N, C-alpha and C. Protein backbone atom coordinates (compact mmCIF):
# COMPACT_ATOMS: atom_id res chain seq x y z
N MET A 1 35.01 4.80 -65.16
CA MET A 1 33.87 3.82 -66.01
C MET A 1 32.42 3.72 -65.82
N MET A 2 32.48 3.11 -64.23
CA MET A 2 30.90 3.01 -63.35
C MET A 2 30.29 3.94 -63.22
N ALA A 3 31.30 5.18 -62.50
CA ALA A 3 31.31 6.45 -62.43
C ALA A 3 30.23 7.39 -63.68
N SER A 4 30.55 6.89 -65.14
CA SER A 4 29.41 7.71 -66.08
C SER A 4 28.51 6.48 -66.07
N TYR A 5 28.14 5.58 -66.50
CA TYR A 5 27.26 4.42 -66.06
C TYR A 5 26.07 5.10 -64.85
N PHE A 6 26.41 5.38 -63.58
CA PHE A 6 25.51 6.19 -62.80
C PHE A 6 24.88 7.50 -62.54
N LEU A 7 25.81 8.28 -64.06
CA LEU A 7 25.60 10.01 -64.43
C LEU A 7 24.52 9.66 -65.05
N LYS A 8 24.69 9.23 -66.27
CA LYS A 8 24.11 8.29 -66.88
C LYS A 8 22.88 7.79 -66.63
N LEU A 9 22.19 6.93 -65.70
CA LEU A 9 21.30 6.51 -64.97
C LEU A 9 21.10 7.66 -64.53
N ALA A 10 21.56 8.74 -63.83
CA ALA A 10 20.71 9.01 -63.12
C ALA A 10 20.07 10.75 -64.13
N LEU A 11 20.68 10.86 -65.22
CA LEU A 11 20.05 11.51 -66.24
C LEU A 11 18.52 11.02 -66.68
N LEU A 12 18.62 9.85 -67.21
CA LEU A 12 17.89 9.49 -68.36
C LEU A 12 16.66 8.48 -67.38
N LEU A 13 16.86 8.56 -66.31
CA LEU A 13 15.53 7.76 -65.66
C LEU A 13 14.45 8.73 -65.03
N PRO A 14 15.04 10.15 -64.64
CA PRO A 14 13.95 11.09 -64.23
C PRO A 14 13.16 11.51 -65.70
N LEU A 15 13.91 11.12 -66.90
CA LEU A 15 13.62 11.45 -68.35
C LEU A 15 12.62 10.85 -69.18
N LEU A 16 13.33 9.62 -68.53
CA LEU A 16 12.17 8.79 -68.91
C LEU A 16 10.36 8.45 -67.67
N ALA A 17 11.12 8.58 -66.35
CA ALA A 17 9.69 8.78 -65.85
C ALA A 17 8.78 9.62 -66.19
N LEU A 18 9.74 11.00 -66.29
CA LEU A 18 8.42 11.79 -67.19
C LEU A 18 7.81 11.59 -68.62
N MET A 19 8.58 11.15 -69.38
CA MET A 19 7.87 11.04 -70.20
C MET A 19 7.02 9.47 -70.92
N ILE A 20 6.99 9.22 -69.60
CA ILE A 20 5.68 7.92 -69.28
C ILE A 20 4.69 8.71 -68.39
N TRP A 21 4.70 10.22 -67.92
CA TRP A 21 3.66 10.59 -67.03
C TRP A 21 2.90 10.83 -67.95
N GLY A 22 4.18 12.27 -68.87
CA GLY A 22 3.52 12.95 -69.89
C GLY A 22 2.42 12.01 -70.73
N SER A 23 2.94 11.26 -71.15
CA SER A 23 2.01 10.50 -72.04
C SER A 23 1.05 10.10 -71.45
N VAL A 24 0.69 9.14 -70.16
CA VAL A 24 -0.52 9.13 -69.68
C VAL A 24 -1.14 10.74 -69.99
N ARG A 25 -0.89 11.41 -68.96
CA ARG A 25 -1.76 12.77 -69.45
C ARG A 25 -2.62 13.16 -70.39
N LEU A 26 -1.69 13.00 -71.53
CA LEU A 26 -1.43 13.18 -72.84
C LEU A 26 -3.35 11.74 -73.57
N ALA A 27 -3.31 10.53 -72.88
CA ALA A 27 -3.69 9.42 -72.92
C ALA A 27 -5.55 10.20 -72.95
N LYS A 28 -5.42 9.84 -71.48
CA LYS A 28 -6.35 11.15 -70.93
C LYS A 28 -7.07 12.29 -71.37
N LEU A 29 -6.37 12.78 -71.79
CA LEU A 29 -6.97 14.31 -72.38
C LEU A 29 -7.43 14.28 -73.34
N ALA A 30 -6.75 13.52 -74.54
CA ALA A 30 -7.08 12.52 -75.59
C ALA A 30 -9.16 11.76 -75.62
N GLN A 31 -8.69 11.41 -74.78
CA GLN A 31 -9.93 10.39 -74.08
C GLN A 31 -11.20 11.39 -73.84
N SER A 32 -10.32 11.58 -72.80
CA SER A 32 -11.89 13.49 -72.48
C SER A 32 -12.73 13.73 -73.92
N ARG A 33 -11.59 14.10 -74.29
CA ARG A 33 -11.86 15.06 -75.52
C ARG A 33 -13.16 14.00 -76.66
N LEU A 34 -12.46 13.45 -76.96
CA LEU A 34 -13.14 11.89 -77.85
C LEU A 34 -14.44 11.32 -77.05
N ALA A 35 -14.17 12.00 -75.81
CA ALA A 35 -15.84 10.71 -75.43
C ALA A 35 -16.95 11.98 -74.98
N ASP A 36 -16.06 13.55 -75.24
CA ASP A 36 -16.89 14.92 -75.08
C ASP A 36 -17.28 15.08 -76.78
N GLN A 37 -17.15 14.52 -77.96
CA GLN A 37 -17.28 14.78 -78.99
C GLN A 37 -18.33 13.52 -79.42
N THR A 38 -17.94 12.93 -78.99
CA THR A 38 -19.32 11.93 -79.24
C THR A 38 -20.53 11.79 -78.75
N GLN A 39 -20.73 12.20 -77.83
CA GLN A 39 -21.43 12.46 -76.66
C GLN A 39 -22.18 13.04 -77.24
N ASN A 40 -21.98 14.76 -77.49
CA ASN A 40 -22.76 15.74 -78.22
C ASN A 40 -23.07 15.90 -79.79
N GLY A 41 -22.85 15.00 -80.15
CA GLY A 41 -23.18 15.27 -81.77
C GLY A 41 -24.39 14.04 -82.39
N ARG A 42 -24.07 12.68 -81.28
CA ARG A 42 -25.51 11.61 -81.49
C ARG A 42 -26.09 11.79 -80.59
N GLY A 43 -27.14 11.38 -80.76
CA GLY A 43 -28.22 10.63 -80.48
C GLY A 43 -28.51 9.31 -79.36
N ILE A 44 -27.46 8.51 -79.92
CA ILE A 44 -27.12 7.75 -79.32
C ILE A 44 -26.53 7.71 -77.94
N LYS A 45 -26.12 6.82 -76.73
CA LYS A 45 -25.99 7.01 -75.87
C LYS A 45 -25.35 5.48 -74.97
N LEU A 46 -23.79 5.07 -74.21
CA LEU A 46 -23.85 3.54 -73.90
C LEU A 46 -23.91 4.06 -72.42
N VAL A 47 -25.74 3.39 -71.99
CA VAL A 47 -26.04 3.50 -70.71
C VAL A 47 -25.74 3.13 -69.60
N GLU A 48 -24.81 1.75 -69.99
CA GLU A 48 -24.58 0.50 -69.45
C GLU A 48 -23.78 -0.64 -69.96
N THR A 49 -22.66 -1.49 -68.68
CA THR A 49 -22.39 -2.48 -69.95
C THR A 49 -22.17 -3.80 -68.63
N ALA A 50 -22.33 -4.84 -69.17
CA ALA A 50 -22.02 -6.22 -68.37
C ALA A 50 -22.13 -7.34 -68.88
N PHE A 51 -20.39 -7.79 -68.42
CA PHE A 51 -19.66 -9.02 -69.13
C PHE A 51 -20.56 -9.99 -68.15
N LEU A 52 -20.34 -10.93 -68.97
CA LEU A 52 -21.24 -12.12 -68.90
C LEU A 52 -20.32 -13.80 -69.10
N ALA A 53 -19.57 -13.90 -70.23
CA ALA A 53 -18.98 -15.17 -70.17
C ALA A 53 -17.83 -14.14 -71.36
N PRO A 54 -16.63 -15.25 -71.36
CA PRO A 54 -15.49 -14.41 -72.36
C PRO A 54 -16.39 -14.15 -73.97
N GLY A 55 -16.10 -13.36 -74.09
CA GLY A 55 -17.23 -12.75 -75.90
C GLY A 55 -18.16 -13.07 -75.77
N ILE A 56 -18.98 -12.89 -74.35
CA ILE A 56 -20.40 -11.69 -74.14
C ILE A 56 -20.78 -10.94 -73.32
N ARG A 57 -21.60 -10.11 -73.81
CA ARG A 57 -21.38 -9.26 -73.05
C ARG A 57 -22.76 -8.77 -72.64
N LEU A 58 -23.58 -7.93 -71.83
CA LEU A 58 -24.82 -7.08 -72.45
C LEU A 58 -24.50 -5.88 -72.12
N ALA A 59 -24.75 -5.17 -73.23
CA ALA A 59 -25.04 -3.67 -73.46
C ALA A 59 -26.99 -2.91 -73.33
N VAL A 60 -26.67 -1.52 -72.57
CA VAL A 60 -27.77 -1.05 -72.49
C VAL A 60 -27.54 0.10 -72.71
N VAL A 61 -28.34 0.85 -73.85
CA VAL A 61 -28.32 1.64 -75.02
C VAL A 61 -29.05 2.84 -75.07
N GLU A 62 -29.00 3.41 -74.52
CA GLU A 62 -30.20 4.97 -74.70
C GLU A 62 -30.48 5.63 -76.30
N PHE A 63 -31.60 5.27 -76.75
CA PHE A 63 -31.68 5.71 -78.02
C PHE A 63 -33.62 6.49 -78.53
N ARG A 64 -32.64 7.71 -78.78
CA ARG A 64 -34.78 8.42 -79.22
C ARG A 64 -35.43 8.04 -78.06
N GLY A 65 -34.83 8.32 -76.65
CA GLY A 65 -35.78 8.31 -75.41
C GLY A 65 -35.74 7.22 -75.01
N ARG A 66 -35.21 5.63 -75.31
CA ARG A 66 -35.55 5.13 -75.70
C ARG A 66 -34.33 3.57 -74.89
N GLU A 67 -34.55 3.13 -74.26
CA GLU A 67 -34.22 2.07 -73.16
C GLU A 67 -33.20 1.26 -74.12
N ILE A 68 -32.52 0.24 -75.14
CA ILE A 68 -32.24 -1.64 -75.82
C ILE A 68 -31.28 -1.70 -74.90
N LEU A 69 -31.92 -3.07 -74.79
CA LEU A 69 -30.71 -4.10 -73.82
C LEU A 69 -30.49 -4.79 -75.32
N LEU A 70 -28.78 -4.82 -75.42
CA LEU A 70 -28.86 -5.50 -76.79
C LEU A 70 -27.38 -6.83 -76.14
N GLY A 71 -27.82 -7.72 -76.56
CA GLY A 71 -26.40 -9.05 -76.28
C GLY A 71 -25.27 -8.66 -77.45
N CYS A 72 -24.53 -8.57 -76.83
CA CYS A 72 -23.09 -8.77 -78.06
C CYS A 72 -22.29 -9.95 -77.89
N SER A 73 -22.17 -10.29 -78.82
CA SER A 73 -21.18 -11.69 -79.29
C SER A 73 -20.56 -11.45 -80.26
N LYS A 74 -19.64 -12.56 -80.55
CA LYS A 74 -18.64 -12.81 -81.50
C LYS A 74 -18.93 -12.75 -83.35
N GLN A 75 -20.91 -13.15 -82.89
CA GLN A 75 -21.42 -13.24 -84.29
C GLN A 75 -21.97 -11.76 -84.48
N GLY A 76 -21.88 -10.90 -83.33
CA GLY A 76 -22.99 -10.00 -83.82
C GLY A 76 -23.77 -9.43 -82.46
N LEU A 77 -24.51 -8.52 -82.50
CA LEU A 77 -25.68 -7.67 -81.40
C LEU A 77 -26.91 -8.81 -82.08
N THR A 78 -27.96 -8.61 -80.77
CA THR A 78 -28.72 -8.85 -80.83
C THR A 78 -29.65 -8.43 -80.14
N ARG A 79 -31.22 -7.90 -80.49
CA ARG A 79 -32.14 -7.12 -78.97
C ARG A 79 -32.90 -7.63 -78.76
N LEU A 80 -32.51 -7.51 -76.76
CA LEU A 80 -33.29 -8.65 -76.26
C LEU A 80 -34.45 -8.02 -75.89
N ALA A 81 -34.18 -7.06 -75.32
CA ALA A 81 -35.59 -5.93 -74.92
C ALA A 81 -34.77 -4.61 -75.20
N GLU A 82 -36.21 -3.55 -75.23
CA GLU A 82 -36.57 -2.60 -74.84
C GLU A 82 -38.24 -2.15 -74.40
N CYS A 83 -37.62 -0.62 -74.15
CA CYS A 83 -38.45 0.14 -73.03
C CYS A 83 -38.39 1.40 -72.60
N GLU A 84 -39.29 2.34 -72.26
CA GLU A 84 -38.70 4.02 -72.48
C GLU A 84 -37.41 4.53 -71.39
N ALA A 85 -36.89 5.28 -72.09
CA ALA A 85 -36.03 5.72 -71.20
C ALA A 85 -36.44 6.12 -69.71
N GLU A 86 -35.76 5.90 -68.28
CA GLU A 86 -36.58 6.65 -66.78
C GLU A 86 -35.28 7.71 -66.74
N ALA A 87 -35.77 8.80 -65.94
CA ALA A 87 -35.28 9.84 -65.64
C ALA A 87 -34.62 9.19 -63.99
N LEU A 88 -33.21 9.77 -64.36
CA LEU A 88 -32.60 8.88 -62.41
C LEU A 88 -33.28 9.57 -61.60
N PRO A 89 -33.21 8.68 -60.66
CA PRO A 89 -34.38 8.93 -59.63
C PRO A 89 -32.98 10.02 -58.42
N ALA A 90 -34.28 10.96 -57.91
CA ALA A 90 -33.11 11.98 -57.37
C ALA A 90 -32.66 11.70 -56.35
N THR A 91 -31.42 12.15 -56.23
CA THR A 91 -30.78 11.44 -54.65
C THR A 91 -31.09 12.04 -53.69
N GLU A 92 -30.60 12.01 -52.34
CA GLU A 92 -30.71 12.84 -51.36
C GLU A 92 -30.18 14.12 -51.39
N GLU A 93 -28.61 14.36 -51.51
CA GLU A 93 -27.87 15.79 -51.79
C GLU A 93 -28.68 16.27 -52.53
N SER A 94 -29.15 15.71 -53.38
CA SER A 94 -30.18 16.91 -54.40
C SER A 94 -31.52 17.37 -53.95
N ALA A 95 -31.82 16.81 -53.59
CA ALA A 95 -33.38 16.92 -53.21
C ALA A 95 -33.48 18.33 -51.57
N GLN A 96 -32.08 18.14 -51.10
CA GLN A 96 -31.76 19.20 -49.67
C GLN A 96 -31.63 20.73 -50.48
């Protein structure tokens, strides 16, 4: 009786681990494909977010060549600032 338990455990434990690994890989693949679709088809891009407090966050969004600073809370979005989008400075690696 105890041997059958260990045999079942030896068969099902690797199967369970394989199923978990496969679902994680599938989720990463789906997430990358979804991110590619949203960036290619639209003119809006989320540049950066910062967590301030529970339920309060700052977000920088690039839209039509302008960067917009948004305050995000449970009540909604508020535009805090807006400026021209800056090109990222060249790194030392790309300069060489």
